Amino acid sequence: MIASASDIRPFIPDDVAKIVLSPKSYADDAVIYGAFKWLRENMPLGVAQVPGFDPIWIVTKHADIKEVERNGKLYHNADHNPILNDQASDAFTRDINDGSLRIISSLTFMDPPEHAAYRSVTSNWFLPGKIGKLEEQIRALAKKSVEHLLSFDGECDFVRDFALHYPLRVIMTLFGVPAEDEPRMLKLTQEFFGVHDPEEQRPEMVADPVAGAKMWAAALEDFYRYFDDLSARRKDVPTDDLLSLIANSRVNGLPIPRDEANGYYVAIATAGHDTTSSSTAGGLHGMMLYPENWAKVKADPGLIPGLVDEAIRWTSPVKHFMRNATADTVLRGQTIQAMDRLMMCYPSGCRDEDVFADPDRFDITRSPNPHIAFGFGPHMCLGQHLAKLEMRVLFEELLPHLKSVELAGTPRMVETNFVGGYKTLPIRFTRC
């Protein structure tokens, strides 16, 4: 074993550990960010030992998350489950999946060298220069979305009536999913990411102890059934869209297998819009809570890129990914043993006081803003440049039409410890 400053594992107090692991905690910023702050100050790298879960290292500091993320050989994604589940849910997944936890063959469930091979299929498509050429097309969609928002009589739910639909329309247009199928994609996405939220669960699964794992399996089956048909059509008649690119690409000289292709499709059809809609809502909410930002960006639209980055940092829609050590190592003076599991807490890293001054404050002039809401290293989000372009264009089109905006009710968040954000954001606005 590698020597370290401490071979005695620091165990996180039960009440704090349960908060970090519980999906319900993430629906209350005061609860979850309070727990993260306590951990950063008292036990920045400790073990959560919660009944029903594997022992898990909780990684809360910006520097430690980056250290793990940058080393894809030492810290793997997929020797275990890269998404946190309790032991019963992992057992259910193995039972229905021939003993494997790899229930979806997406980039998230891949390690080197497989990960690099499959990431290269679309990496060029998502380069900033190529994404930039889509701005005119995206702006046209933004204008239509803003017109729809302005059609409300000064009051609406910014999430349900607006923020959910614009990034969905953008990614589905570029992806190649017909507009009439977008409601289906949205519903499946909400089920996929909201597996622990009672309002998102399918009725027959509410109160089921492994409802999350069953929801994932059911949503994936529906996604696969849909994309099997669409992918076959794109192979027969390719078009100029992202789905055709994936359907007709080859990896290691061979056509992409069905499971890996569907893994790609599902990742784009879900994370490709859900995280962007959450960050967009977070940007508006942040300006309502800290209105000096509204005054600044209204006076100087050149601050919109800063607004976008701060919205992403402050909201941090991706709550965690899991890693496991492949060998004994040392992190922050603690001995990490081979196959130990680590939970990368991105919202905590994005509010680390060592990196961000007054981190709980929403500040669109924050500079630099080295947030890690998109992850870091080889698994850093492929779609980050598209997401930032979508948000910049949207705010450029929206803000000139709004004189003022305020909360018209209490915002609600999705109960999820994986990916999610705002469920509702009631607003009252006046037009210019």
Protein backbone atom coordinates (compact mmCIF):
# COMPACT_ATOMS: atom_id res chain seq x y z
CA MET A 1 0.00 0.00 0.00
CA ILE A 2 1.21 3.53 -0.76
CA ALA A 3 2.13 5.43 2.38
CA SER A 4 0.16 8.55 3.17
CA ALA A 5 -0.44 11.13 5.85
CA SER A 6 -3.35 9.05 7.05
CA ASP A 7 -4.34 5.44 6.50
CA ILE A 8 -7.26 5.85 8.89
CA ARG A 9 -10.39 6.70 6.94
CA PRO A 10 -12.19 9.85 8.06
CA PHE A 11 -15.88 8.98 8.29
CA ILE A 12 -18.36 11.77 7.59
CA PRO A 13 -21.01 12.31 10.30
CA ASP A 14 -24.14 10.33 9.44
CA ASP A 15 -26.44 13.35 9.15
CA VAL A 16 -24.14 15.10 6.66
CA ALA A 17 -23.44 11.93 4.66
CA LYS A 18 -27.15 11.21 4.28
CA ILE A 19 -27.77 14.74 2.99
CA VAL A 20 -25.14 14.43 0.26
CA LEU A 21 -26.38 11.04 -0.94
CA SER A 22 -30.12 11.79 -0.78
CA PRO A 23 -31.83 13.00 -4.00
CA LYS A 24 -34.32 14.95 -1.90
CA SER A 25 -31.56 17.20 -0.52
CA TYR A 26 -30.86 18.67 -3.93
CA ALA A 27 -34.33 20.20 -4.08
CA ASP A 28 -33.32 22.58 -1.26
CA ASP A 29 -30.24 24.75 -1.86
CA ALA A 30 -29.92 25.68 1.80
CA VAL A 31 -29.72 22.02 2.80
CA ILE A 32 -27.34 20.70 0.16
CA TYR A 33 -25.03 23.71 -0.05
CA GLY A 34 -24.95 23.90 3.73
CA ALA A 35 -23.74 20.29 3.85
CA PHE A 36 -21.14 20.91 1.16
CA LYS A 37 -19.84 23.98 2.98
CA TRP A 38 -19.48 21.99 6.21
CA LEU A 39 -17.55 19.31 4.38
CA ARG A 40 -15.20 21.75 2.62
CA GLU A 41 -14.40 23.37 5.96
CA ASN A 42 -14.21 20.27 8.15
CA MET A 43 -13.78 17.12 6.06
CA PRO A 44 -13.15 17.98 2.39
CA LEU A 45 -12.36 14.35 1.58
CA GLY A 46 -14.17 11.85 3.75
CA VAL A 47 -16.04 8.57 3.56
CA ALA A 48 -19.84 8.42 3.60
CA GLN A 49 -20.96 5.16 5.18
CA VAL A 50 -24.73 5.17 4.81
CA PRO A 51 -26.77 1.98 5.28
CA GLY A 52 -27.78 0.50 1.95
CA PHE A 53 -24.93 2.19 0.03
CA ASP A 54 -21.34 1.23 -0.67
CA PRO A 55 -18.80 3.21 1.36
CA ILE A 56 -18.05 6.25 -0.80
CA TRP A 57 -15.38 8.95 -0.70
CA ILE A 58 -17.09 12.35 -0.98
CA VAL A 59 -14.90 14.78 -2.98
CA THR A 60 -15.93 18.40 -2.37
CA LYS A 61 -12.93 20.60 -3.22
CA HIS A 62 -12.36 22.14 -6.65
CA ALA A 63 -8.69 21.08 -6.79
CA ASP A 64 -9.41 17.48 -5.77
CA ILE A 65 -12.20 17.08 -8.31
CA LYS A 66 -9.86 18.34 -11.03
CA GLU A 67 -7.10 16.01 -9.85
CA VAL A 68 -9.35 12.98 -10.14
CA GLU A 69 -10.99 14.12 -13.38
CA ARG A 70 -7.74 14.77 -15.23
CA ASN A 71 -6.40 11.26 -14.64
CA GLY A 72 -8.62 8.88 -16.55
CA LYS A 73 -6.23 5.95 -16.18
CA LEU A 74 -5.89 6.10 -12.41
CA TYR A 75 -9.55 6.92 -11.80
CA HIS A 76 -12.00 4.98 -13.95
CA ASN A 77 -15.64 5.70 -14.69
CA ALA A 78 -17.02 2.31 -15.31
CA ASP A 79 -15.41 -0.51 -13.37
CA HIS A 80 -18.42 0.05 -11.12
CA ASN A 81 -21.49 2.25 -11.67
CA PRO A 82 -20.48 5.80 -12.71
CA ILE A 83 -23.83 7.00 -11.33
CA LEU A 84 -24.60 6.68 -7.62
CA ASN A 85 -27.20 4.06 -6.79
CA ASP A 86 -27.93 2.20 -3.61
CA GLN A 87 -26.87 -1.43 -3.38
CA ALA A 88 -30.38 -2.78 -4.01
CA SER A 89 -30.69 -0.77 -7.23
CA ASP A 90 -27.28 -1.90 -8.44
CA ALA A 91 -28.29 -5.50 -7.68
CA PHE A 92 -31.48 -5.03 -9.72
CA THR A 93 -29.45 -3.64 -12.63
CA ARG A 94 -27.08 -6.59 -12.58
CA ASP A 95 -30.02 -8.97 -12.44
CA ILE A 96 -31.63 -7.60 -15.60
CA ASN A 97 -28.35 -6.91 -17.41
CA ASP A 98 -26.44 -10.20 -17.39
CA GLY A 99 -24.51 -9.29 -14.26
CA SER A 100 -23.27 -5.94 -15.59
CA LEU A 101 -23.85 -2.42 -14.29
CA ARG A 102 -23.27 -1.01 -17.77
CA ILE A 103 -26.92 -0.50 -18.50
CA ILE A 104 -26.19 2.09 -21.19
CA SER A 105 -23.15 2.12 -23.47
CA SER A 106 -22.62 5.88 -23.42
CA LEU A 107 -19.37 7.82 -22.99
CA THR A 108 -20.14 8.06 -19.27
CA PHE A 109 -19.79 4.28 -18.97
CA MET A 110 -16.51 4.08 -20.91
CA ASP A 111 -12.84 4.23 -19.93
CA PRO A 112 -9.65 4.48 -22.00
CA PRO A 113 -9.08 3.51 -24.75
CA GLU A 114 -12.74 2.84 -25.60
CA HIS A 115 -13.81 6.27 -24.39
CA ALA A 116 -11.43 8.15 -26.69
CA ALA A 117 -12.43 6.06 -29.70
CA TYR A 118 -16.14 6.79 -29.26
CA ARG A 119 -15.69 10.42 -28.23
CA SER A 120 -13.83 11.05 -31.49
CA VAL A 121 -16.99 10.21 -33.46
CA THR A 122 -18.53 13.60 -32.61
CA SER A 123 -15.68 15.62 -31.09
CA ASN A 124 -15.03 17.55 -34.32
CA TRP A 125 -18.74 18.30 -34.72
CA PHE A 126 -18.76 20.00 -31.30
CA LEU A 127 -15.64 22.14 -31.85
CA PRO A 128 -16.19 25.88 -31.19
CA GLY A 129 -15.50 26.85 -34.80
CA LYS A 130 -18.11 24.45 -36.16
CA ILE A 131 -20.63 25.23 -33.45
CA GLY A 132 -20.22 28.94 -34.20
CA LYS A 133 -21.53 28.37 -37.74
CA LEU A 134 -24.86 27.33 -36.22
CA GLU A 135 -25.46 30.69 -34.56
CA GLU A 136 -27.83 32.08 -37.21
CA GLN A 137 -29.98 28.95 -37.09
CA ILE A 138 -30.01 28.97 -33.29
CA ARG A 139 -30.85 32.68 -33.18
CA ALA A 140 -33.90 32.10 -35.34
CA LEU A 141 -35.13 29.51 -32.85
CA ALA A 142 -34.38 31.87 -29.96
CA LYS A 143 -36.43 34.65 -31.55
CA LYS A 144 -39.44 32.34 -31.87
CA SER A 145 -39.08 31.25 -28.25
CA VAL A 146 -38.89 34.84 -27.03
CA GLU A 147 -42.00 35.71 -29.03
CA HIS A 148 -43.78 32.87 -27.27
CA LEU A 149 -42.68 34.08 -23.83
CA LEU A 150 -43.81 37.62 -24.59
CA SER A 151 -47.24 36.31 -25.59
CA PHE A 152 -47.97 35.66 -21.91
CA ASP A 153 -49.73 38.49 -20.14
CA GLY A 154 -46.85 39.48 -17.89
CA GLU A 155 -46.76 36.26 -15.88
CA CYS A 156 -45.68 32.70 -16.59
CA ASP A 157 -43.61 29.79 -15.36
CA PHE A 158 -40.22 30.49 -16.88
CA VAL A 159 -39.27 26.80 -16.75
CA ARG A 160 -42.41 25.04 -17.92
CA ASP A 161 -43.53 27.68 -20.39
CA PHE A 162 -40.14 28.61 -21.82
CA ALA A 163 -36.77 27.30 -20.57
CA LEU A 164 -37.59 23.61 -21.09
CA HIS A 165 -38.55 24.07 -24.71
CA TYR A 166 -35.94 26.33 -26.33
CA PRO A 167 -32.85 24.12 -25.79
CA LEU A 168 -34.97 21.07 -26.57
CA ARG A 169 -35.90 22.62 -29.93
CA VAL A 170 -32.29 23.53 -30.64
CA ILE A 171 -30.75 20.14 -29.92
CA MET A 172 -33.53 18.16 -31.59
CA THR A 173 -33.26 20.33 -34.71
CA LEU A 174 -29.52 19.75 -34.92
CA PHE A 175 -29.88 16.11 -33.90
CA GLY A 176 -32.54 15.31 -36.47
CA VAL A 177 -35.55 14.44 -34.31
CA PRO A 178 -38.84 15.64 -35.83
CA ALA A 179 -40.57 18.50 -34.00
CA GLU A 180 -43.69 16.40 -33.38
CA ASP A 181 -41.59 13.96 -31.31
CA GLU A 182 -40.16 16.60 -28.97
CA PRO A 183 -42.83 16.18 -26.25
CA ARG A 184 -41.95 12.49 -26.14
CA MET A 185 -38.24 13.29 -25.80
CA LEU A 186 -38.95 15.79 -23.03
CA LYS A 187 -41.08 13.37 -21.05
CA LEU A 188 -38.53 10.58 -21.34
CA THR A 189 -35.75 12.95 -20.31
CA GLN A 190 -37.65 14.02 -17.21
CA GLU A 191 -38.17 10.37 -16.31
CA PHE A 192 -34.53 9.54 -17.07
CA PHE A 193 -33.07 12.25 -14.83
CA GLY A 194 -35.90 12.41 -12.31
CA VAL A 195 -35.96 8.77 -11.33
CA HIS A 196 -36.08 9.62 -7.61
CA ASP A 197 -38.58 12.47 -7.87
CA PRO A 198 -42.10 11.23 -6.97
CA GLU A 199 -43.65 13.65 -9.47
CA GLU A 200 -41.56 12.23 -12.32
CA GLN A 201 -41.87 8.55 -11.47
CA ARG A 202 -44.24 6.35 -13.41
CA PRO A 203 -47.34 5.59 -11.29
CA GLU A 204 -46.64 1.88 -11.04
CA MET A 205 -43.17 2.58 -9.60
CA VAL A 206 -43.95 5.11 -6.88
CA ALA A 207 -42.77 3.80 -3.48
CA ASP A 208 -40.88 0.93 -5.11
CA PRO A 209 -37.56 0.56 -3.23
CA VAL A 210 -35.66 0.24 -6.52
CA ALA A 211 -37.86 2.65 -8.47
CA GLY A 212 -34.82 4.61 -9.69
CA ALA A 213 -33.21 1.62 -11.37
CA LYS A 214 -36.53 0.47 -12.81
CA MET A 215 -37.26 3.96 -14.16
CA TRP A 216 -33.88 4.08 -15.85
CA ALA A 217 -34.43 0.69 -17.46
CA ALA A 218 -37.95 1.57 -18.62
CA ALA A 219 -36.93 4.96 -20.03
CA LEU A 220 -33.96 3.43 -21.83
CA GLU A 221 -36.17 0.75 -23.37
CA ASP A 222 -38.49 3.46 -24.72
CA PHE A 223 -35.57 5.54 -25.98
CA TYR A 224 -34.01 2.53 -27.71
CA ARG A 225 -37.26 1.53 -29.36
CA TYR A 226 -37.57 5.05 -30.76
CA PHE A 227 -33.97 5.44 -31.90
CA ASP A 228 -33.71 1.96 -33.42
CA ASP A 229 -36.28 3.03 -35.99
CA LEU A 230 -34.90 6.52 -36.59
CA SER A 231 -31.32 5.27 -36.84
CA ALA A 232 -32.30 2.65 -39.42
CA ARG A 233 -33.92 5.35 -41.53
CA ARG A 234 -30.80 7.55 -41.32
CA LYS A 235 -28.64 4.63 -42.46
CA ASP A 236 -30.86 4.16 -45.49
CA VAL A 237 -31.18 7.87 -46.26
CA PRO A 238 -28.55 9.97 -44.45
CA THR A 239 -29.31 13.65 -43.87
CA ASP A 240 -27.28 16.59 -42.63
CA ASP A 241 -27.79 16.06 -38.91
CA LEU A 242 -25.94 14.69 -35.91
CA LEU A 243 -27.96 11.49 -35.75
CA SER A 244 -26.95 10.61 -39.32
CA LEU A 245 -23.30 11.23 -38.44
CA ILE A 246 -23.45 8.76 -35.55
CA ALA A 247 -25.58 6.20 -37.39
CA ASN A 248 -23.11 6.03 -40.28
CA SER A 249 -19.81 6.37 -38.41
CA ARG A 250 -17.30 3.60 -37.78
CA VAL A 251 -15.14 2.91 -34.74
CA ASN A 252 -11.98 0.83 -35.14
CA GLY A 253 -13.02 0.22 -38.71
CA LEU A 254 -16.40 -1.26 -37.85
CA PRO A 255 -19.95 0.18 -37.79
CA ILE A 256 -20.99 1.41 -34.35
CA PRO A 257 -22.92 -1.40 -32.61
CA ARG A 258 -26.55 -0.89 -31.72
CA ASP A 259 -26.02 -0.42 -27.98
CA GLU A 260 -23.19 2.10 -28.40
CA ALA A 261 -25.15 4.06 -31.01
CA ASN A 262 -28.20 4.18 -28.75
CA GLY A 263 -26.00 5.23 -25.85
CA TYR A 264 -24.87 8.20 -27.92
CA TYR A 265 -28.42 9.05 -28.97
CA VAL A 266 -29.77 8.97 -25.42
CA ALA A 267 -26.94 11.12 -24.06
CA ILE A 268 -27.58 13.80 -26.67
CA ALA A 269 -31.37 13.54 -26.38
CA THR A 270 -31.23 14.08 -22.60
CA ALA A 271 -28.18 16.00 -21.39
CA GLY A 272 -28.20 17.97 -24.64
CA HIS A 273 -31.06 20.12 -23.39
CA ASP A 274 -31.89 19.42 -19.73
CA THR A 275 -28.70 20.97 -18.34
CA THR A 276 -29.04 24.02 -20.59
CA SER A 277 -32.64 24.68 -19.56
CA SER A 278 -31.65 24.41 -15.88
CA SER A 279 -28.75 26.83 -16.31
CA THR A 280 -30.91 29.30 -18.24
CA ALA A 281 -33.50 29.31 -15.45
CA GLY A 282 -30.71 29.62 -12.90
CA GLY A 283 -29.36 32.68 -14.69
CA LEU A 284 -32.68 34.48 -14.49
CA HIS A 285 -33.27 33.39 -10.90
CA GLY A 286 -29.81 34.59 -9.91
CA MET A 287 -30.50 38.03 -11.34
CA MET A 288 -33.80 38.23 -9.48
CA LEU A 289 -32.10 37.37 -6.20
CA TYR A 290 -29.18 39.71 -6.88
CA PRO A 291 -30.80 42.46 -8.97
CA GLU A 292 -27.62 44.52 -9.38
CA ASN A 293 -26.73 41.98 -12.06
CA TRP A 294 -29.92 42.77 -13.96
CA ALA A 295 -29.07 46.46 -13.97
CA LYS A 296 -25.53 45.77 -15.14
CA VAL A 297 -26.41 43.48 -18.03
CA LYS A 298 -29.29 45.69 -19.15
CA ALA A 299 -26.87 48.60 -19.34
CA ASP A 300 -24.14 46.54 -21.00
CA PRO A 301 -25.16 43.49 -23.10
CA GLY A 302 -21.46 42.77 -23.44
CA LEU A 303 -21.74 41.16 -20.01
CA ILE A 304 -23.98 38.37 -21.32
CA PRO A 305 -21.10 35.85 -21.76
CA GLY A 306 -20.26 36.43 -18.09
CA LEU A 307 -23.92 35.92 -17.22
CA VAL A 308 -23.86 32.59 -19.04
CA ASP A 309 -20.77 31.29 -17.23
CA GLU A 310 -22.03 32.44 -13.85
CA ALA A 311 -25.44 30.84 -14.47
CA ILE A 312 -23.76 27.53 -15.23
CA ARG A 313 -21.47 27.75 -12.17
CA TRP A 314 -24.20 28.87 -9.78
CA THR A 315 -26.72 26.26 -10.96
CA SER A 316 -24.34 23.31 -11.58
CA PRO A 317 -26.98 21.02 -13.15
CA VAL A 318 -24.72 17.95 -13.07
CA LYS A 319 -24.59 17.03 -9.39
CA HIS A 320 -22.14 14.15 -9.47
CA PHE A 321 -20.36 11.40 -11.30
CA MET A 322 -18.66 8.45 -9.65
CA ARG A 323 -15.08 7.33 -10.18
CA ASN A 324 -13.15 4.35 -8.82
CA ALA A 325 -9.43 4.12 -8.20
CA THR A 326 -7.60 1.53 -10.29
CA ALA A 327 -4.63 1.37 -7.91
CA ASP A 328 -3.72 2.49 -4.41
CA THR A 329 -2.99 6.21 -4.40
CA VAL A 330 -3.04 9.32 -2.23
CA LEU A 331 -5.44 12.24 -2.55
CA ARG A 332 -5.41 15.18 -0.12
CA GLY A 333 -3.26 13.18 2.25
CA GLN A 334 -5.70 10.26 2.38
CA THR A 335 -4.98 6.74 1.21
CA ILE A 336 -7.37 5.78 -1.58
CA GLN A 337 -7.31 2.03 -2.16
CA ALA A 338 -7.80 0.30 -5.49
CA MET A 339 -11.53 0.02 -6.33
CA ASP A 340 -12.50 2.61 -3.72
CA ARG A 341 -15.39 4.68 -5.08
CA LEU A 342 -15.34 8.49 -5.20
CA MET A 343 -18.32 10.83 -5.64
CA MET A 344 -17.33 13.98 -7.54
CA CYS A 345 -19.56 16.75 -6.12
CA TYR A 346 -19.48 19.40 -8.84
CA PRO A 347 -21.84 21.90 -7.14
CA SER A 348 -19.50 21.92 -4.15
CA GLY A 349 -16.43 22.43 -6.31
CA CYS A 350 -18.19 25.31 -8.04
CA ARG A 351 -18.65 27.05 -4.68
CA ASP A 352 -15.20 26.37 -3.25
CA GLU A 353 -14.07 29.41 -1.25
CA ASP A 354 -10.45 28.73 -2.25
CA VAL A 355 -11.36 29.45 -5.87
CA PHE A 356 -14.43 31.72 -5.83
CA ALA A 357 -14.79 34.82 -3.67
CA ASP A 358 -18.22 35.00 -1.99
CA PRO A 359 -19.16 31.80 -3.86
CA ASP A 360 -22.86 31.72 -2.94
CA ARG A 361 -23.37 35.12 -4.52
CA PHE A 362 -24.54 35.36 -8.12
CA ASP A 363 -22.14 37.74 -9.89
CA ILE A 364 -22.02 38.05 -13.67
CA THR A 365 -18.80 40.10 -13.48
CA ARG A 366 -16.95 37.24 -11.74
CA SER A 367 -13.55 36.95 -13.42
CA PRO A 368 -11.92 34.60 -13.76
CA ASN A 369 -14.67 32.02 -13.44
CA PRO A 370 -12.94 28.62 -13.62
CA HIS A 371 -16.02 26.59 -12.77
CA ILE A 372 -16.10 22.83 -13.25
CA ALA A 373 -19.82 22.48 -13.94
CA PHE A 374 -18.92 20.86 -17.27
CA GLY A 375 -16.48 18.51 -15.57
CA PHE A 376 -12.78 18.48 -16.36
CA GLY A 377 -10.27 16.37 -18.23
CA PRO A 378 -11.07 13.60 -20.74
CA HIS A 379 -14.73 13.36 -19.72
CA MET A 380 -15.39 17.10 -19.93
CA CYS A 381 -18.78 17.78 -21.51
CA LEU A 382 -18.70 17.50 -25.31
CA GLY A 383 -21.60 19.92 -25.71
CA GLN A 384 -20.29 22.76 -23.55
CA HIS A 385 -19.68 25.17 -26.44
CA LEU A 386 -23.13 24.52 -27.89
CA ALA A 387 -24.76 25.08 -24.49
CA LYS A 388 -22.96 28.39 -23.97
CA LEU A 389 -23.83 29.55 -27.48
CA GLU A 390 -27.51 28.68 -26.96
CA MET A 391 -27.64 30.57 -23.68
CA ARG A 392 -25.78 33.63 -24.98
CA VAL A 393 -28.02 33.94 -28.01
CA LEU A 394 -31.15 33.46 -25.94
CA PHE A 395 -30.26 36.19 -23.43
CA GLU A 396 -29.25 38.49 -26.29
CA GLU A 397 -32.71 38.06 -27.77
CA LEU A 398 -34.66 38.08 -24.50
CA LEU A 399 -33.22 40.87 -22.35
CA PRO A 400 -33.92 43.79 -24.73
CA HIS A 401 -37.64 42.95 -24.50
CA LEU A 402 -37.89 42.88 -20.70
CA LYS A 403 -38.01 46.00 -18.56
CA SER A 404 -38.25 44.15 -15.26
CA VAL A 405 -38.74 40.66 -13.87
CA GLU A 406 -39.54 39.36 -10.40
CA LEU A 407 -40.53 36.16 -8.68
CA ALA A 408 -44.24 35.42 -8.71
CA GLY A 409 -44.00 32.37 -6.48
CA THR A 410 -41.55 29.95 -4.93
CA PRO A 411 -39.22 28.11 -7.35
CA ARG A 412 -39.12 24.32 -7.05
CA MET A 413 -36.23 22.02 -7.85
CA VAL A 414 -36.15 18.42 -9.07
CA GLU A 415 -35.33 15.80 -6.45
CA THR A 416 -32.18 14.30 -7.96
CA ASN A 417 -28.59 13.73 -6.95
CA PHE A 418 -27.54 13.17 -10.57
CA VAL A 419 -28.62 15.70 -13.22
CA GLY A 420 -31.34 18.30 -12.83
CA GLY A 421 -32.34 21.73 -11.71
CA TYR A 422 -35.45 23.85 -11.77
CA LYS A 423 -38.87 22.25 -11.91
CA THR A 424 -40.72 25.57 -11.74
CA LEU A 425 -39.75 29.25 -11.74
CA PRO A 426 -42.88 31.48 -11.57
CA ILE A 427 -42.10 35.00 -12.78
CA ARG A 428 -43.86 38.32 -13.30
CA PHE A 429 -42.42 40.57 -15.99
CA THR A 430 -42.99 43.88 -17.75
CA ARG A 431 -42.13 44.38 -21.38
CA CYS A 432 -40.04 47.22 -22.71
